[in-house]
N, C-alpha and C. Protein backbone atom coordinates (compact mmCIF):
# COMPACT_ATOMS: atom_id res chain seq x y z
N ILE A 1 -20.27 298.72 -118.62
CA ILE A 1 -20.71 298.96 -117.38
C ILE A 1 -20.76 300.38 -117.64
N GLN A 2 -22.09 301.28 -117.27
CA GLN A 2 -22.14 302.38 -117.40
C GLN A 2 -22.03 303.03 -115.66
N PHE A 3 -21.73 303.64 -115.11
CA PHE A 3 -21.96 304.46 -113.87
C PHE A 3 -22.15 305.71 -113.86
N ASP A 4 -23.31 306.55 -113.06
CA ASP A 4 -23.51 307.67 -113.68
C ASP A 4 -23.64 308.52 -111.84
N PRO A 5 -22.40 308.71 -111.60
CA PRO A 5 -22.22 309.46 -110.58
C PRO A 5 -23.45 310.07 -109.49
N LYS A 6 -23.92 310.86 -110.53
CA LYS A 6 -25.05 311.70 -110.11
C LYS A 6 -26.20 311.30 -109.63
N LYS A 7 -26.24 309.76 -110.63
CA LYS A 7 -28.03 309.32 -110.47
C LYS A 7 -27.43 308.23 -109.08
N GLN A 8 -26.26 308.00 -109.15
CA GLN A 8 -26.03 306.74 -107.99
C GLN A 8 -26.02 307.81 -106.56
N ALA A 9 -25.40 308.93 -106.35
CA ALA A 9 -25.42 309.86 -105.17
C ALA A 9 -27.02 310.23 -105.16
N ASP A 10 -27.84 310.20 -105.91
CA ASP A 10 -29.20 310.94 -105.51
C ASP A 10 -29.77 309.19 -105.02
N ILE A 11 -29.70 308.21 -105.57
CA ILE A 11 -30.11 306.92 -105.15
C ILE A 11 -29.45 306.86 -103.75
N LEU A 12 -28.65 307.13 -103.64
CA LEU A 12 -27.73 306.85 -101.97
C LEU A 12 -28.49 307.59 -100.98
N GLN A 13 -29.30 308.70 -101.38
CA GLN A 13 -29.78 310.00 -100.84
C GLN A 13 -30.71 309.49 -100.49
N ARG A 14 -31.73 308.85 -101.38
CA ARG A 14 -32.92 308.72 -101.26
C ARG A 14 -33.20 307.23 -100.24
N GLN A 15 -32.21 306.65 -101.07
CA GLN A 15 -32.59 305.72 -99.66
C GLN A 15 -31.73 305.81 -98.29
N GLY A 16 -31.25 306.75 -98.14
CA GLY A 16 -30.48 306.99 -96.96
C GLY A 16 -29.46 306.88 -96.54
N GLY A 17 -28.77 306.19 -97.39
CA GLY A 17 -27.31 305.57 -97.39
C GLY A 17 -26.15 306.85 -97.68
N PHE A 18 -25.29 306.76 -97.15
CA PHE A 18 -24.33 307.39 -97.24
C PHE A 18 -22.50 306.92 -97.40
N VAL A 19 -21.84 307.76 -97.50
CA VAL A 19 -20.43 307.58 -97.86
C VAL A 19 -19.70 308.17 -96.72
N PRO A 20 -19.42 306.70 -95.79
CA PRO A 20 -18.38 307.66 -94.85
C PRO A 20 -17.72 308.88 -94.88
N GLY A 21 -17.60 310.01 -94.12
CA GLY A 21 -16.98 311.39 -94.38
C GLY A 21 -17.26 312.02 -95.41
N VAL A 22 -18.48 311.65 -96.33
CA VAL A 22 -18.93 312.69 -97.40
C VAL A 22 -20.11 313.01 -97.07
N ARG A 23 -20.58 314.24 -97.21
CA ARG A 23 -21.92 314.66 -96.88
C ARG A 23 -22.93 314.20 -98.24
N PRO A 24 -23.91 313.90 -97.97
CA PRO A 24 -24.60 313.41 -99.03
C PRO A 24 -25.04 314.21 -99.93
N GLY A 25 -25.61 314.14 -100.86
CA GLY A 25 -25.81 315.45 -102.23
C GLY A 25 -24.60 315.19 -103.39
N THR A 26 -24.50 316.73 -103.69
CA THR A 26 -23.31 317.18 -104.51
C THR A 26 -21.51 316.61 -104.13
N ALA A 27 -21.48 316.91 -102.91
CA ALA A 27 -20.38 315.86 -102.33
C ALA A 27 -20.09 314.39 -102.41
N THR A 28 -21.16 313.92 -102.60
CA THR A 28 -20.86 312.22 -102.72
C THR A 28 -20.99 312.14 -104.14
N GLU A 29 -21.63 312.99 -105.03
CA GLU A 29 -21.52 313.18 -106.57
C GLU A 29 -19.96 313.14 -106.61
N ARG A 30 -19.26 314.66 -106.38
CA ARG A 30 -17.81 314.90 -106.61
C ARG A 30 -16.85 313.43 -106.10
N HIS A 31 -17.36 313.03 -104.84
CA HIS A 31 -16.58 311.89 -104.17
C HIS A 31 -16.34 310.46 -105.18
N LEU A 32 -17.38 310.40 -105.78
CA LEU A 32 -17.92 309.04 -106.69
C LEU A 32 -16.96 309.25 -108.20
N GLU A 33 -17.47 310.64 -108.59
CA GLU A 33 -16.69 310.94 -109.44
C GLU A 33 -15.06 310.92 -109.58
N HIS A 34 -14.62 311.39 -108.33
CA HIS A 34 -13.06 311.28 -108.27
C HIS A 34 -12.36 309.78 -108.14
N ILE A 35 -13.59 309.11 -107.67
CA ILE A 35 -13.13 307.95 -107.12
C ILE A 35 -12.80 307.03 -108.82
N LEU A 36 -14.34 307.03 -109.49
CA LEU A 36 -14.48 306.54 -110.78
C LEU A 36 -13.18 306.89 -111.70
N ASN A 37 -12.68 308.04 -111.43
CA ASN A 37 -11.56 308.39 -112.35
C ASN A 37 -10.44 307.97 -112.16
N ARG A 38 -9.92 307.70 -110.39
CA ARG A 38 -9.13 306.80 -110.13
C ARG A 38 -9.05 305.56 -110.69
N ILE A 39 -10.23 305.01 -110.98
CA ILE A 39 -10.45 303.46 -111.26
C ILE A 39 -10.24 303.21 -112.83
N THR A 40 -10.45 304.19 -113.69
CA THR A 40 -10.82 304.05 -115.02
C THR A 40 -9.29 304.34 -115.61
N LEU A 41 -8.86 305.47 -115.35
CA LEU A 41 -7.46 305.78 -115.63
C LEU A 41 -6.63 304.68 -115.87
N PRO A 42 -6.15 304.20 -114.85
CA PRO A 42 -5.31 303.50 -114.83
C PRO A 42 -5.70 302.20 -115.62
N GLY A 43 -6.95 301.87 -115.80
CA GLY A 43 -7.48 300.59 -116.33
C GLY A 43 -7.35 300.69 -118.25
N ALA A 44 -7.39 302.16 -118.40
CA ALA A 44 -7.36 302.51 -119.72
C ALA A 44 -6.05 302.57 -120.20
N LEU A 45 -5.37 303.23 -119.63
CA LEU A 45 -3.54 302.88 -119.75
C LEU A 45 -3.16 301.52 -119.84
N PHE A 46 -3.33 300.73 -118.83
CA PHE A 46 -2.92 299.48 -119.13
C PHE A 46 -3.54 298.49 -120.03
N LEU A 47 -4.96 298.88 -120.84
CA LEU A 47 -5.43 298.36 -121.92
C LEU A 47 -4.51 299.06 -123.11
N GLY A 48 -4.24 300.50 -122.84
CA GLY A 48 -3.27 300.71 -124.40
C GLY A 48 -2.28 299.84 -124.44
N VAL A 49 -1.55 300.10 -123.09
CA VAL A 49 -0.10 299.09 -123.18
C VAL A 49 -0.45 297.83 -123.76
N ILE A 50 -1.05 297.27 -123.15
CA ILE A 50 -1.49 295.88 -123.61
C ILE A 50 -1.78 295.75 -125.27
N THR A 51 -2.40 296.66 -125.85
CA THR A 51 -2.62 296.78 -127.05
C THR A 51 -1.65 296.74 -127.88
N ILE A 52 -0.61 297.90 -127.56
CA ILE A 52 0.42 298.20 -128.31
C ILE A 52 1.70 297.00 -127.99
N ALA A 53 1.74 296.61 -126.91
CA ALA A 53 2.74 295.98 -126.67
C ALA A 53 3.11 294.75 -127.89
N PRO A 54 2.41 294.14 -128.16
CA PRO A 54 2.89 293.33 -129.25
C PRO A 54 3.38 293.74 -130.47
N SER A 55 2.91 294.82 -130.94
CA SER A 55 3.25 295.34 -132.16
C SER A 55 4.70 296.07 -131.81
N LEU A 56 5.11 296.42 -130.62
CA LEU A 56 6.22 297.08 -130.22
C LEU A 56 7.65 295.79 -129.96
N VAL A 57 6.96 294.93 -129.46
CA VAL A 57 7.99 293.83 -129.35
C VAL A 57 8.51 293.45 -130.74
N GLY A 58 7.43 293.01 -131.70
CA GLY A 58 7.92 292.84 -133.16
C GLY A 58 8.71 293.68 -134.08
N LEU A 59 8.17 295.15 -133.42
CA LEU A 59 9.05 296.05 -133.75
C LEU A 59 10.82 295.44 -133.45
N ALA A 60 10.83 295.73 -131.95
CA ALA A 60 12.03 295.90 -131.47
C ALA A 60 12.86 294.72 -132.11
N TYR A 61 12.10 293.42 -132.28
CA TYR A 61 12.73 292.20 -131.99
C TYR A 61 13.24 291.56 -133.25
N GLY A 62 12.32 292.66 -134.41
CA GLY A 62 12.15 291.78 -135.73
C GLY A 62 11.60 290.42 -136.16
N ILE A 63 10.39 290.58 -135.25
CA ILE A 63 9.76 289.34 -135.12
C ILE A 63 8.07 289.95 -135.68
N THR A 64 7.94 288.73 -136.65
CA THR A 64 6.12 289.39 -137.10
C THR A 64 5.15 288.69 -136.26
N VAL A 65 4.57 289.43 -135.35
CA VAL A 65 3.71 289.15 -134.45
C VAL A 65 2.50 288.45 -134.96
N ALA A 66 2.07 287.14 -134.65
CA ALA A 66 1.32 286.50 -135.21
C ALA A 66 -0.60 286.71 -134.68
N PHE A 67 -0.58 287.73 -133.62
CA PHE A 67 -1.51 287.98 -133.09
C PHE A 67 -1.21 289.65 -132.35
N SER A 68 -2.47 290.07 -132.42
CA SER A 68 -2.01 291.73 -131.88
C SER A 68 -2.73 291.81 -131.14
N GLY A 69 -2.54 293.05 -130.15
CA GLY A 69 -3.00 293.12 -128.99
C GLY A 69 -4.59 292.84 -128.33
N VAL A 70 -5.39 293.49 -129.52
CA VAL A 70 -6.50 293.45 -129.36
C VAL A 70 -6.86 291.56 -129.09
N SER A 71 -6.27 291.20 -130.29
CA SER A 71 -7.00 289.81 -130.23
C SER A 71 -6.38 288.78 -129.16
N LEU A 72 -5.09 289.36 -128.67
CA LEU A 72 -4.76 288.82 -126.96
C LEU A 72 -5.95 289.33 -125.80
N LEU A 73 -6.38 290.62 -126.00
CA LEU A 73 -7.59 290.69 -124.96
C LEU A 73 -8.63 289.86 -125.13
N ILE A 74 -9.35 289.71 -126.57
CA ILE A 74 -10.18 289.01 -126.88
C ILE A 74 -10.21 287.37 -126.20
N VAL A 75 -8.89 286.99 -126.55
CA VAL A 75 -8.45 285.20 -126.18
C VAL A 75 -8.62 285.39 -124.13
N VAL A 76 -7.94 286.33 -123.82
CA VAL A 76 -7.92 286.58 -122.33
C VAL A 76 -9.47 286.91 -121.52
N GLY A 77 -10.14 287.22 -122.26
CA GLY A 77 -11.48 287.44 -121.69
C GLY A 77 -12.11 285.88 -122.08
N VAL A 78 -12.41 285.59 -123.34
CA VAL A 78 -13.05 284.33 -123.39
C VAL A 78 -12.38 283.21 -122.52
N ALA A 79 -11.42 283.30 -122.29
CA ALA A 79 -10.78 282.45 -121.44
C ALA A 79 -11.37 282.43 -119.60
N LEU A 80 -11.32 283.82 -119.56
CA LEU A 80 -11.69 283.76 -118.14
C LEU A 80 -13.15 283.82 -117.87
N GLU A 81 -13.73 283.98 -119.01
CA GLU A 81 -15.18 283.67 -118.74
C GLU A 81 -15.54 282.55 -118.93
N THR A 82 -14.85 281.30 -119.98
CA THR A 82 -14.74 280.15 -120.09
C THR A 82 -14.48 279.27 -118.63
N MET A 83 -13.55 280.06 -117.62
CA MET A 83 -13.18 279.13 -116.31
C MET A 83 -14.36 279.13 -115.72
N LYS A 84 -14.90 280.94 -115.25
CA LYS A 84 -16.68 281.18 -114.55
C LYS A 84 -17.25 280.32 -114.91
N GLN A 85 -17.73 279.78 -116.38
CA GLN A 85 -18.86 279.08 -116.48
C GLN A 85 -18.48 277.90 -115.93
N ILE A 86 -17.69 277.26 -115.96
CA ILE A 86 -16.84 275.95 -115.38
C ILE A 86 -16.95 275.73 -114.25
N GLU A 87 -16.49 276.64 -113.78
CA GLU A 87 -17.00 276.58 -111.66
C GLU A 87 -18.53 276.95 -111.57
N SER A 88 -19.13 277.35 -111.86
CA SER A 88 -20.73 277.63 -111.59
C SER A 88 -20.99 276.32 -112.25
N GLN A 89 -20.64 275.46 -113.19
CA GLN A 89 -21.16 274.32 -113.01
C GLN A 89 -20.90 273.39 -112.25
N LEU A 90 -19.32 273.29 -112.39
CA LEU A 90 -18.67 272.29 -110.72
C LEU A 90 -20.01 272.79 -109.86
N THR A 91 -19.96 273.92 -109.32
CA THR A 91 -20.45 274.29 -108.25
C THR A 91 -22.00 273.58 -108.08
N LEU A 92 -22.50 273.92 -109.47
CA LEU A 92 -24.13 273.38 -109.52
C LEU A 92 -24.28 272.23 -109.09
N ARG A 93 -23.06 271.27 -109.74
CA ARG A 93 -23.19 269.78 -109.78
C ARG A 93 -23.05 269.06 -108.43
N ASN A 94 -22.21 269.93 -107.29
CA ASN A 94 -21.91 269.71 -106.27
C ASN A 94 -22.81 269.90 -105.28
N TYR A 95 -23.99 270.66 -105.54
CA TYR A 95 -25.01 271.41 -104.83
C TYR A 95 -25.69 270.35 -104.44
N GLU A 96 -25.88 270.04 -103.12
CA GLU A 96 -26.91 269.11 -102.52
C GLU A 96 -28.37 269.79 -102.10
N GLY A 97 -28.19 270.94 -101.96
CA GLY A 97 -29.48 271.73 -101.60
C GLY A 97 -29.77 271.24 -100.13
N PHE A 98 -30.94 272.19 -99.73
CA PHE A 98 -31.56 272.13 -98.44
C PHE A 98 -32.41 270.77 -98.40
N LEU A 99 -33.04 270.22 -99.17
CA LEU A 99 -33.74 269.21 -98.54
C LEU A 99 -33.51 267.82 -98.80
N THR A 100 -32.08 267.78 -99.24
CA THR A 100 -31.60 266.42 -99.13
C THR A 100 -30.95 266.08 -98.34
């Protein structure tokens, strides 16, 4: 997902929207950049820890790790997406609609 704070600030200003307590224009752009950095930095650090953790555990306890951190991230991502798909299918199956 790509998020361009300058573009979003321009879109907000053109549509008459605003962030409460922040002036439209460059102040909104700086505010959005600040929020984006506050969100992405911890997420990136967390992903780094998750990626390295299996190797560190393997080294600390002398165990050979059958999967790496990247494999773990892929498995969890696929499992979450599969759960979303199943939930949407069950919702669709149980949906009666407006005309019945």
